[in-house]
Amino acid sequence: MTSWRPPASQARRDELAVGYARDGYALLEAVYDAAAPAWLRELPAIDVLRRVLLQNYTRAITGGKGGGQAAGEGTGRRRSPAEVMPGSPPRMTPMPGAAPSGSSTGWAASCISPRPAMMPRPAAAARQPRAAPRRGCAHLVFPNLITGVATTDATVTDNQMTAVIHDGLAAKNLAPGRHYTDSGYLSAALVVSELARPGIVLTGPLLAGTSAQARAGHGYARAGFAIDYDTRTATCPQGKTAATWTPCTQRGQATIVATFAASDCGPCPARALCTKSRRRQISLLPRALAEAQAAACAAEKATPYQAGYARRAGVEGAMH
């Protein structure tokens, strides 16, 4: 039984646990029946199931044909930790081949091979009643597996780890074709570099503008300026053209700074909407990055993008 979303009440959890054990014993009885193929009893998963049931449950068989009960019936309960015999083998996980820990009171520690963060629901499972799925996830099952962890200094930003994550996945031949991330792991530069380097399409909402005007949602934000990379000019909403166009590096990133003349900004009737300084400066991405950013922002409004990004629903809950 999953420990991620168990029933709310302890009584219901115990009821389910006993129900699952009853099903497990029914399966074992069928496998060990004289009429069953012998090779079934050699399956590692069957051996693990048998040990899990023996170590975690007591079972009482009463009545029924020949003094026993029909397969899958009977009374039983889960063993308490105190009932595990001293010196007995440690409790096993339900993972075939998982390495048991030295503890006899909890789930065994094991290494789980990385697997997809989401997978198609089998047709049979799709017919089973279930709780309403999260938005956009009616056709998906999320197994709640965290397949990698990296610990860094607090000063390391998320987007500094994006390429590191991709390198680790690629080293295990598990690099995805498309990687759905939150805004922290994205930038226009990463969208371009990761597509060119390991061939991964980064998908997610790019960070919004960080200027005071963009944060306030009022005034002349960067998006309100017309940029012409061919003529190397930037034009403000009032029709004035920047006096200088200066390529430089800011925080390790190639940038273009367009600066408007104080003689234009000083007497401008809309100056309060634009800047509190004597003149306005805007920082621009290089052309290739700016075009990639514009394309990504435009795609965010499209239905296919929203349907695809909905696959990430549940990720934050799994980490929580």
Protein backbone atom coordinates (compact mmCIF):
# COMPACT_ATOMS: atom_id res chain seq x y z
CA MET A 1 0.00 0.00 0.00
CA THR A 2 1.37 3.38 -0.94
CA SER A 3 2.49 5.56 1.93
CA TRP A 4 2.11 8.71 -0.16
CA ARG A 5 -1.69 8.94 -0.25
CA PRO A 6 -3.04 6.47 2.30
CA PRO A 7 -6.64 6.58 3.57
CA ALA A 8 -7.19 9.14 6.28
CA SER A 9 -8.29 6.80 9.07
CA GLN A 10 -6.10 4.15 10.69
CA ALA A 11 -9.02 1.71 10.66
CA ARG A 12 -9.36 2.06 6.89
CA ARG A 13 -5.60 1.64 6.42
CA ASP A 14 -5.64 -1.55 8.49
CA GLU A 15 -8.64 -2.83 6.56
CA LEU A 16 -6.87 -2.26 3.25
CA ALA A 17 -3.66 -3.83 4.50
CA VAL A 18 -5.47 -7.01 5.50
CA GLY A 19 -7.38 -7.00 2.22
CA TYR A 20 -4.16 -6.78 0.24
CA ALA A 21 -2.66 -9.61 2.30
CA ARG A 22 -5.73 -11.76 1.62
CA ASP A 23 -5.28 -11.16 -2.10
CA GLY A 24 -1.60 -12.00 -1.80
CA TYR A 25 -2.30 -15.31 -0.08
CA ALA A 26 -4.92 -16.14 -2.71
CA LEU A 27 -2.30 -15.62 -5.40
CA LEU A 28 0.27 -17.76 -3.55
CA GLU A 29 -2.22 -20.58 -3.06
CA ALA A 30 -2.92 -20.57 -6.78
CA VAL A 31 0.79 -20.56 -7.62
CA TYR A 32 1.61 -23.40 -5.21
CA ASP A 33 -1.42 -25.47 -6.25
CA ALA A 34 -0.45 -28.85 -7.67
CA ALA A 35 -2.09 -27.99 -10.97
CA ALA A 36 -0.06 -24.77 -11.41
CA PRO A 37 3.06 -24.77 -13.62
CA ALA A 38 6.17 -25.37 -11.52
CA TRP A 39 8.08 -22.47 -13.07
CA LEU A 40 5.71 -19.98 -11.42
CA ARG A 41 7.15 -20.91 -8.03
CA GLU A 42 10.64 -20.02 -9.28
CA LEU A 43 9.78 -16.39 -10.00
CA PRO A 44 11.76 -14.01 -7.73
CA ALA A 45 8.68 -11.83 -7.26
CA ILE A 46 6.72 -14.79 -5.87
CA ASP A 47 9.46 -15.54 -3.35
CA VAL A 48 9.52 -11.89 -2.25
CA LEU A 49 5.73 -11.83 -1.90
CA ARG A 50 5.78 -15.01 0.18
CA ARG A 51 8.39 -13.60 2.56
CA VAL A 52 6.65 -10.24 2.86
CA LEU A 53 3.38 -11.92 3.82
CA LEU A 54 4.96 -14.36 6.27
CA GLN A 55 6.95 -11.64 8.00
CA ASN A 56 4.24 -8.98 8.13
CA TYR A 57 1.00 -10.89 8.74
CA THR A 58 -0.49 -13.60 10.90
CA ARG A 59 -3.17 -15.75 9.27
CA ALA A 60 -5.90 -17.92 10.75
CA ILE A 61 -7.56 -20.58 8.54
CA THR A 62 -10.81 -21.97 9.92
CA GLY A 63 -13.77 -23.91 8.50
CA GLY A 64 -14.23 -24.58 4.81
CA LYS A 65 -13.67 -27.73 2.84
CA GLY A 66 -11.40 -30.22 4.58
CA GLY A 67 -10.95 -27.97 7.59
CA GLY A 68 -9.47 -25.17 5.51
CA GLN A 69 -10.90 -22.14 3.80
CA ALA A 70 -11.31 -21.19 0.20
CA ALA A 71 -8.42 -19.32 -1.35
CA GLY A 72 -8.41 -15.66 -0.46
CA GLU A 73 -10.69 -16.01 2.56
CA GLY A 74 -9.91 -16.16 6.23
CA THR A 75 -9.13 -13.84 9.09
CA GLY A 76 -5.84 -12.18 9.70
CA ARG A 77 -4.02 -9.11 10.88
CA ARG A 78 -0.72 -7.35 10.46
CA ARG A 79 2.12 -8.27 12.77
CA SER A 80 3.34 -5.58 15.15
CA PRO A 81 7.09 -4.82 15.15
CA ALA A 82 7.37 -6.62 18.51
CA GLU A 83 6.08 -9.83 16.94
CA VAL A 84 8.98 -10.11 14.51
CA MET A 85 11.13 -12.86 15.97
CA PRO A 86 14.63 -11.82 17.12
CA GLY A 87 17.25 -12.99 14.68
CA SER A 88 14.73 -13.46 11.90
CA PRO A 89 15.55 -12.15 8.42
CA PRO A 90 14.84 -8.44 8.05
CA ARG A 91 11.55 -7.41 6.57
CA MET A 92 11.62 -7.26 2.81
CA THR A 93 10.35 -4.55 0.53
CA PRO A 94 7.88 -5.49 -2.22
CA MET A 95 10.65 -4.67 -4.75
CA PRO A 96 12.03 -7.85 -6.35
CA GLY A 97 15.76 -7.99 -5.78
CA ALA A 98 15.79 -5.06 -3.38
CA ALA A 99 18.62 -5.11 -0.88
CA PRO A 100 17.28 -5.48 2.68
CA SER A 101 18.47 -3.16 5.41
CA GLY A 102 19.64 -4.21 8.85
CA SER A 103 16.40 -3.06 10.46
CA SER A 104 13.59 -5.47 11.24
CA THR A 105 10.95 -2.84 11.93
CA GLY A 106 10.67 -0.79 8.75
CA TRP A 107 10.77 -0.96 5.01
CA ALA A 108 14.13 -2.07 3.70
CA ALA A 109 16.48 0.43 2.09
CA SER A 110 17.03 -0.21 -1.59
CA CYS A 111 18.30 1.33 -4.80
CA ILE A 112 15.51 1.89 -7.29
CA SER A 113 16.47 2.13 -10.92
CA PRO A 114 15.46 5.48 -12.42
CA ARG A 115 12.28 5.35 -14.41
CA PRO A 116 10.00 7.90 -16.13
CA ALA A 117 8.30 10.55 -14.03
CA MET A 118 5.01 9.60 -15.62
CA MET A 119 3.71 6.69 -17.64
CA PRO A 120 0.54 5.76 -19.56
CA ARG A 121 -2.09 4.12 -17.41
CA PRO A 122 -2.77 0.51 -18.46
CA ALA A 123 -6.16 0.04 -20.10
CA ALA A 124 -7.43 -2.22 -17.31
CA ALA A 125 -6.46 0.28 -14.63
CA ALA A 126 -8.14 3.07 -16.53
CA ARG A 127 -11.48 1.35 -16.02
CA GLN A 128 -11.14 1.25 -12.25
CA PRO A 129 -12.91 3.97 -10.24
CA ARG A 130 -10.52 6.43 -8.71
CA ALA A 131 -10.36 9.86 -7.21
CA ALA A 132 -10.57 12.79 -9.57
CA PRO A 133 -7.15 13.37 -11.14
CA ARG A 134 -5.32 16.63 -11.03
CA ARG A 135 -5.80 19.01 -13.94
CA GLY A 136 -4.76 17.55 -17.25
CA CYS A 137 -3.73 14.17 -15.88
CA ALA A 138 -6.74 11.96 -16.55
CA HIS A 139 -4.66 9.60 -18.67
CA LEU A 140 -1.53 9.41 -16.54
CA VAL A 141 -0.29 7.63 -13.44
CA PHE A 142 2.45 9.21 -11.34
CA PRO A 143 4.47 6.61 -9.46
CA ASN A 144 5.97 9.21 -7.09
CA LEU A 145 9.56 8.21 -7.73
CA ILE A 146 12.41 10.64 -7.12
CA THR A 147 15.23 9.36 -9.30
CA GLY A 148 17.99 11.80 -8.40
CA VAL A 149 19.05 14.19 -5.66
CA ALA A 150 21.75 16.86 -5.69
CA THR A 151 22.80 18.92 -2.67
CA THR A 152 24.39 22.31 -3.26
CA ASP A 153 25.31 25.46 -1.40
CA ALA A 154 22.37 27.77 -0.82
CA THR A 155 23.87 30.32 -3.19
CA VAL A 156 23.61 27.97 -6.19
CA THR A 157 20.54 28.88 -8.23
CA ASP A 158 18.28 26.23 -9.75
CA ASN A 159 19.21 27.08 -13.32
CA GLN A 160 22.87 26.42 -12.54
CA MET A 161 21.90 22.78 -11.98
CA THR A 162 19.90 22.21 -15.18
CA ALA A 163 22.91 21.22 -17.30
CA VAL A 164 24.32 19.17 -14.41
CA ILE A 165 21.07 17.19 -14.21
CA HIS A 166 21.11 16.59 -17.95
CA ASP A 167 24.73 15.44 -17.87
CA GLY A 168 23.90 12.94 -15.14
CA LEU A 169 20.95 11.56 -17.07
CA ALA A 170 22.92 11.38 -20.31
CA ALA A 171 25.71 9.47 -18.57
CA LYS A 172 23.16 6.76 -17.74
CA ASN A 173 21.63 6.88 -21.23
CA LEU A 174 18.45 8.34 -19.74
CA ALA A 175 18.45 11.84 -21.21
CA PRO A 176 14.86 12.84 -22.02
CA GLY A 177 13.81 14.28 -25.36
CA ARG A 178 11.69 16.88 -23.53
CA HIS A 179 12.18 18.04 -19.95
CA TYR A 180 9.30 19.74 -18.13
CA THR A 181 10.63 22.08 -15.44
CA ASP A 182 9.51 25.00 -13.33
CA SER A 183 10.69 28.55 -13.98
CA GLY A 184 13.68 28.28 -11.67
CA TYR A 185 15.45 25.80 -13.94
CA LEU A 186 14.82 27.78 -17.10
CA SER A 187 16.33 30.67 -19.00
CA ALA A 188 16.47 31.63 -22.65
CA ALA A 189 20.16 30.72 -22.72
CA LEU A 190 19.45 27.26 -21.32
CA VAL A 191 16.63 26.65 -23.80
CA VAL A 192 19.10 27.27 -26.63
CA SER A 193 22.19 25.55 -25.14
CA GLU A 194 20.45 22.39 -23.93
CA LEU A 195 18.75 21.87 -27.27
CA ALA A 196 22.08 22.24 -29.06
CA ARG A 197 24.20 20.26 -26.56
CA PRO A 198 22.36 17.10 -25.39
CA GLY A 199 19.36 17.68 -27.66
CA ILE A 200 16.84 18.21 -24.85
CA VAL A 201 13.80 20.45 -25.35
CA LEU A 202 13.31 22.44 -22.16
CA THR A 203 9.63 23.17 -21.56
CA GLY A 204 8.23 25.44 -18.88
CA PRO A 205 7.23 29.02 -18.10
CA LEU A 206 10.15 31.41 -18.48
CA LEU A 207 10.61 33.90 -15.68
CA ALA A 208 8.65 37.10 -16.16
CA GLY A 209 10.36 40.44 -16.58
CA THR A 210 12.21 41.63 -13.50
CA SER A 211 12.12 45.38 -14.09
CA ALA A 212 10.21 47.56 -11.64
CA GLN A 213 7.60 48.26 -14.33
CA ALA A 214 7.14 44.56 -15.14
CA ARG A 215 6.82 43.63 -11.46
CA ALA A 216 4.29 46.38 -10.87
CA GLY A 217 2.35 45.59 -14.03
CA HIS A 218 2.26 49.31 -14.77
CA GLY A 219 4.40 51.57 -16.92
CA TYR A 220 6.85 50.95 -19.75
CA ALA A 221 8.32 47.51 -19.23
CA ARG A 222 10.99 46.06 -21.49
CA ALA A 223 8.34 44.37 -23.66
CA GLY A 224 6.99 47.79 -24.63
CA PHE A 225 10.17 48.76 -26.49
CA ALA A 226 10.65 47.98 -30.19
CA ILE A 227 14.01 46.30 -30.84
CA ASP A 228 15.67 46.11 -34.25
CA TYR A 229 18.77 43.94 -34.19
CA ASP A 230 19.57 44.69 -37.83
CA THR A 231 19.87 48.43 -37.28
CA ARG A 232 20.95 48.02 -33.62
CA THR A 233 18.28 50.37 -32.36
CA ALA A 234 15.80 50.37 -29.50
CA THR A 235 12.71 52.60 -29.67
CA CYS A 236 10.63 53.52 -26.64
CA PRO A 237 6.81 53.70 -26.62
CA GLN A 238 7.07 57.48 -27.09
CA GLY A 239 9.02 57.02 -30.34
CA LYS A 240 12.47 58.02 -29.07
CA THR A 241 15.50 55.96 -30.16
CA ALA A 242 18.26 54.89 -27.78
CA ALA A 243 21.43 56.95 -28.04
CA THR A 244 23.80 54.00 -27.51
CA TRP A 245 23.78 50.25 -28.18
CA THR A 246 26.50 48.56 -26.13
CA PRO A 247 27.28 44.80 -26.13
CA CYS A 248 28.71 43.73 -22.77
CA THR A 249 28.64 40.96 -20.16
CA GLN A 250 26.41 41.07 -17.11
CA ARG A 251 26.64 38.35 -14.44
CA GLY A 252 28.47 36.14 -16.90
CA GLN A 253 25.80 36.47 -19.59
CA ALA A 254 26.23 38.23 -22.94
CA THR A 255 23.99 41.30 -22.89
CA ILE A 256 23.24 44.43 -24.88
CA VAL A 257 22.57 47.65 -22.98
CA ALA A 258 20.55 50.28 -24.81
CA THR A 259 20.74 53.73 -23.19
CA PHE A 260 18.44 56.63 -24.01
CA ALA A 261 19.60 60.25 -23.99
CA ALA A 262 18.87 62.39 -20.95
CA SER A 263 17.75 65.13 -23.36
CA ASP A 264 14.96 62.81 -24.54
CA CYS A 265 14.00 61.32 -21.19
CA GLY A 266 14.11 64.57 -19.13
CA PRO A 267 11.27 66.45 -20.83
CA CYS A 268 9.28 63.30 -21.76
CA PRO A 269 5.63 63.62 -20.60
CA ALA A 270 5.56 59.86 -19.82
CA ARG A 271 8.78 59.81 -17.84
CA ALA A 272 6.99 58.76 -14.62
CA LEU A 273 5.83 55.61 -16.42
CA CYS A 274 9.33 54.79 -17.59
CA THR A 275 12.08 55.68 -15.13
CA LYS A 276 12.98 57.60 -11.98
CA SER A 277 16.49 58.25 -13.29
CA ARG A 278 17.68 60.95 -15.64
CA ARG A 279 17.53 58.50 -18.51
CA ARG A 280 16.26 54.99 -19.23
CA GLN A 281 18.46 51.96 -19.79
CA ILE A 282 17.24 48.54 -20.92
CA SER A 283 19.20 45.28 -21.01
CA LEU A 284 18.63 43.06 -24.02
CA LEU A 285 19.48 39.46 -24.78
CA PRO A 286 21.56 38.67 -27.87
CA ARG A 287 19.41 38.13 -30.94
CA ALA A 288 19.34 34.31 -30.90
CA LEU A 289 18.38 34.21 -27.23
CA ALA A 290 15.80 36.96 -27.62
CA GLU A 291 14.12 35.06 -30.45
CA ALA A 292 14.15 31.84 -28.44
CA GLN A 293 12.62 33.65 -25.48
CA ALA A 294 9.92 35.23 -27.64
CA ALA A 295 9.06 31.86 -29.19
CA ALA A 296 8.88 30.17 -25.78
CA CYS A 297 6.67 32.90 -24.32
CA ALA A 298 4.35 32.72 -27.32
CA ALA A 299 4.13 28.93 -27.03
CA GLU A 300 3.05 29.19 -23.39
CA LYS A 301 -0.29 30.60 -24.52
CA ALA A 302 -1.00 27.73 -26.93
CA THR A 303 -3.26 24.81 -26.00
CA PRO A 304 -0.74 22.09 -27.00
CA TYR A 305 1.83 23.61 -24.64
CA GLN A 306 -0.63 23.73 -21.75
CA ALA A 307 -1.72 20.14 -22.34
CA GLY A 308 1.90 18.97 -22.47
CA TYR A 309 3.01 20.90 -19.39
CA ALA A 310 0.08 19.45 -17.44
CA ARG A 311 2.13 16.22 -17.33
CA ARG A 312 4.19 17.87 -14.63
CA ALA A 313 1.20 18.05 -12.30
CA GLY A 314 1.87 16.07 -9.15
CA VAL A 315 5.63 16.57 -9.17
CA GLU A 316 5.64 19.15 -6.37
CA GLY A 317 3.32 16.94 -4.31
CA ALA A 318 5.63 13.96 -4.74
CA MET A 319 8.63 15.97 -3.54
CA HIS A 320 6.60 17.29 -0.60
